[in-house]
Amino acid sequence: MINIIAWLILGLIAGAIAKAIYPGRQGGGIFATTLLGIIGAFIGGTIVTLLQTGRFLLTGASLSIPGIFVAVIGAIIAIYLWGLMNRT
């Protein structure tokens, strides 16, 4: 239960920071922001693990200062990819 709450907090923080940094209007409410942050935590955690170990493992960032930084970078990547998929 505590891990779920930590993931929600990390997702909310990372998603909000990523939306503030990324140029343009992304839309979506608090649920979309939190989901974006959680997806970003997985993207960022996986990229960091790949760079550190050379292996592709699905891992997530932790609720810490470096974890938030990694999750924000991952959330920015997720915003970019979402924008590419939704262009008309």
Protein backbone atom coordinates (compact mmCIF):
# COMPACT_ATOMS: atom_id res chain seq x y z
CA MET A 1 0.00 0.00 0.00
CA ILE A 2 2.82 2.41 0.84
CA ASN A 3 4.51 1.70 -2.51
CA ILE A 4 1.33 2.61 -4.37
CA ILE A 5 1.09 5.91 -2.50
CA ALA A 6 4.77 6.62 -3.20
CA TRP A 7 4.23 5.92 -6.93
CA LEU A 8 1.22 8.27 -6.98
CA ILE A 9 3.18 11.02 -5.26
CA LEU A 10 6.19 10.52 -7.56
CA GLY A 11 3.89 10.51 -10.59
CA LEU A 12 2.12 13.69 -9.56
CA ILE A 13 5.36 15.55 -8.84
CA ALA A 14 7.19 14.36 -11.96
CA GLY A 15 4.19 14.87 -14.26
CA ALA A 16 3.55 18.39 -12.99
CA ILE A 17 7.20 19.41 -13.35
CA ALA A 18 7.43 17.87 -16.84
CA LYS A 19 4.28 19.66 -17.99
CA ALA A 20 5.66 22.95 -16.64
CA ILE A 21 8.99 22.46 -18.44
CA TYR A 22 7.69 21.13 -21.78
CA PRO A 23 6.68 23.94 -24.17
CA GLY A 24 3.12 24.18 -25.40
CA ARG A 25 -0.19 23.12 -23.94
CA GLN A 26 -0.62 19.42 -23.15
CA GLY A 27 -4.09 19.41 -21.61
CA GLY A 28 -5.32 16.75 -19.21
CA GLY A 29 -6.19 16.97 -15.56
CA ILE A 30 -4.64 15.65 -12.38
CA PHE A 31 -5.20 12.02 -13.40
CA ALA A 32 -3.43 12.52 -16.74
CA THR A 33 -0.57 14.35 -15.04
CA THR A 34 -0.11 11.58 -12.47
CA LEU A 35 -0.27 8.86 -15.12
CA LEU A 36 2.23 10.77 -17.24
CA GLY A 37 4.61 10.98 -14.27
CA ILE A 38 4.30 7.26 -13.49
CA ILE A 39 4.97 6.36 -17.13
CA GLY A 40 7.88 8.80 -17.06
CA ALA A 41 9.29 7.11 -13.97
CA PHE A 42 9.33 3.79 -15.81
CA ILE A 43 10.84 5.32 -18.96
CA GLY A 44 13.50 7.20 -17.00
CA GLY A 45 14.28 4.27 -14.70
CA THR A 46 14.64 1.92 -17.66
CA ILE A 47 16.95 4.32 -19.51
CA VAL A 48 19.16 4.82 -16.43
CA THR A 49 19.35 1.05 -15.86
CA LEU A 50 20.25 0.54 -19.53
CA LEU A 51 23.02 3.14 -19.32
CA GLN A 52 24.39 1.79 -16.04
CA THR A 53 24.27 -1.95 -16.69
CA GLY A 54 23.94 -2.28 -20.46
CA ARG A 55 20.82 -4.42 -19.98
CA PHE A 56 17.24 -3.52 -20.89
CA LEU A 57 15.19 -4.02 -17.71
CA LEU A 58 11.84 -2.40 -16.96
CA THR A 59 12.53 -0.54 -13.73
CA GLY A 60 11.07 2.54 -12.15
CA ALA A 61 12.58 5.51 -10.41
CA SER A 62 12.26 5.79 -6.64
CA LEU A 63 10.72 8.55 -4.56
CA SER A 64 13.94 10.49 -4.00
CA ILE A 65 15.56 13.61 -5.48
CA PRO A 66 17.47 11.64 -8.17
CA GLY A 67 14.37 9.52 -8.76
CA ILE A 68 12.23 12.61 -9.33
CA PHE A 69 14.86 13.99 -11.73
CA VAL A 70 14.89 10.73 -13.71
CA ALA A 71 11.07 10.55 -13.69
CA VAL A 72 10.79 14.13 -14.98
CA ILE A 73 13.15 13.35 -17.86
CA GLY A 74 11.12 10.23 -18.63
CA ALA A 75 7.85 12.20 -18.45
CA ILE A 76 9.22 14.78 -20.90
CA ILE A 77 10.06 11.92 -23.27
CA ALA A 78 6.53 10.54 -22.76
CA ILE A 79 4.98 13.95 -23.57
CA TYR A 80 7.06 14.15 -26.73
CA LEU A 81 6.09 10.63 -27.84
CA TRP A 82 2.42 11.26 -27.06
CA GLY A 83 2.56 14.43 -29.18
CA LEU A 84 4.07 12.49 -32.08
CA MET A 85 1.33 9.87 -31.93
CA ASN A 86 -1.53 12.38 -31.72
CA ARG A 87 -0.56 14.75 -34.53
CA THR A 88 -3.12 15.14 -37.24
